Amino acid sequence: MKPLPVLFLVALAAGCTNIPELQGREAAAVTDAPYPRLIPLDEALGPPVDVVSEAADLSKNLTERKKSLRQRANRLQNTPID
């Protein structure tokens, strides 16, 4: 079968599904709970990140990793096979 008719049949079958009503099923503690306190986004995210220093740190870490991987590759290539 082609995918489009199958997708249509699946969507049609999904439309026939009975979805249970959820209204009134919450516990009393949930319905009576106060709305959460909203805080400013800046406060939630924390201090801004210094992009320049973060990029320098990342570059340093990647350079060190490249160096160690090259050393490991050289060791593996020069290891005699018994």
Protein backbone atom coordinates (compact mmCIF):
# COMPACT_ATOMS: atom_id res chain seq x y z
CA MET A 1 0.00 0.00 0.00
CA LYS A 2 1.09 3.53 -0.58
CA PRO A 3 1.89 5.59 2.52
CA LEU A 4 -0.67 8.34 1.93
CA PRO A 5 -3.81 6.13 2.07
CA VAL A 6 -2.41 4.34 5.12
CA LEU A 7 -1.76 7.67 6.83
CA PHE A 8 -5.29 8.78 6.00
CA LEU A 9 -6.76 5.59 7.50
CA VAL A 10 -4.67 5.96 10.66
CA ALA A 11 -5.78 9.59 11.06
CA LEU A 12 -9.39 8.57 10.47
CA ALA A 13 -9.16 5.82 13.08
CA ALA A 14 -7.53 8.22 15.55
CA GLY A 15 -10.45 10.61 15.11
CA CYS A 16 -12.86 7.89 16.26
CA THR A 17 -11.08 7.39 19.58
CA ASN A 18 -13.02 8.22 22.74
CA ILE A 19 -10.92 10.54 24.87
CA PRO A 20 -11.83 10.35 28.56
CA GLU A 21 -12.93 13.53 30.27
CA LEU A 22 -10.32 14.69 32.75
CA GLN A 23 -12.33 17.50 34.30
CA GLY A 24 -13.02 16.77 37.95
CA ARG A 25 -10.39 14.04 38.32
CA GLU A 26 -7.80 16.28 39.97
CA ALA A 27 -7.20 15.95 43.68
CA ALA A 28 -8.55 18.73 45.88
CA ALA A 29 -4.99 19.77 46.76
CA VAL A 30 -4.29 20.39 43.08
CA THR A 31 -7.43 22.38 42.35
CA ASP A 32 -7.05 24.51 45.49
CA ALA A 33 -3.31 25.12 45.07
CA PRO A 34 -2.23 28.70 44.47
CA TYR A 35 -0.78 29.65 41.11
CA PRO A 36 3.04 29.47 41.13
CA ARG A 37 4.89 32.72 41.69
CA LEU A 38 6.26 34.10 38.45
CA ILE A 39 9.86 35.28 38.47
CA PRO A 40 11.71 37.37 35.89
CA LEU A 41 13.43 35.37 33.17
CA ASP A 42 16.81 36.97 33.90
CA GLU A 43 16.60 35.72 37.47
CA ALA A 44 15.66 32.21 36.36
CA LEU A 45 18.45 31.94 33.77
CA GLY A 46 21.20 33.28 36.01
CA PRO A 47 24.00 35.61 35.05
CA PRO A 48 24.76 36.08 31.37
CA VAL A 49 27.50 33.93 29.91
CA ASP A 50 30.68 35.55 28.61
CA VAL A 51 30.66 34.19 25.08
CA VAL A 52 34.25 35.16 24.29
CA SER A 53 35.81 33.41 27.28
CA GLU A 54 33.55 30.39 26.82
CA ALA A 55 34.63 30.10 23.18
CA ALA A 56 38.29 30.40 24.20
CA ASP A 57 37.85 27.65 26.81
CA LEU A 58 36.12 25.41 24.29
CA SER A 59 38.83 26.02 21.72
CA LYS A 60 41.52 25.20 24.29
CA ASN A 61 39.74 21.98 25.32
CA LEU A 62 39.28 20.88 21.72
CA THR A 63 42.92 21.60 20.89
CA GLU A 64 44.07 19.53 23.88
CA ARG A 65 41.74 16.70 22.90
CA LYS A 66 42.98 16.79 19.30
CA LYS A 67 46.58 16.60 20.52
CA SER A 68 45.87 13.64 22.82
CA LEU A 69 43.92 11.80 20.10
CA ARG A 70 46.77 12.28 17.61
CA GLN A 71 49.26 10.94 20.17
CA ARG A 72 47.04 7.94 20.80
CA ALA A 73 46.66 7.31 17.06
CA ASN A 74 50.44 7.48 16.59
CA ARG A 75 50.96 5.00 19.45
CA LEU A 76 48.41 2.62 17.95
CA GLN A 77 49.91 2.89 14.47
CA ASN A 78 53.44 2.25 15.75
CA THR A 79 52.52 -0.69 17.99
CA PRO A 80 53.94 -3.92 16.60
CA ILE A 81 51.40 -6.67 15.98
CA ASP A 82 52.45 -10.10 17.23
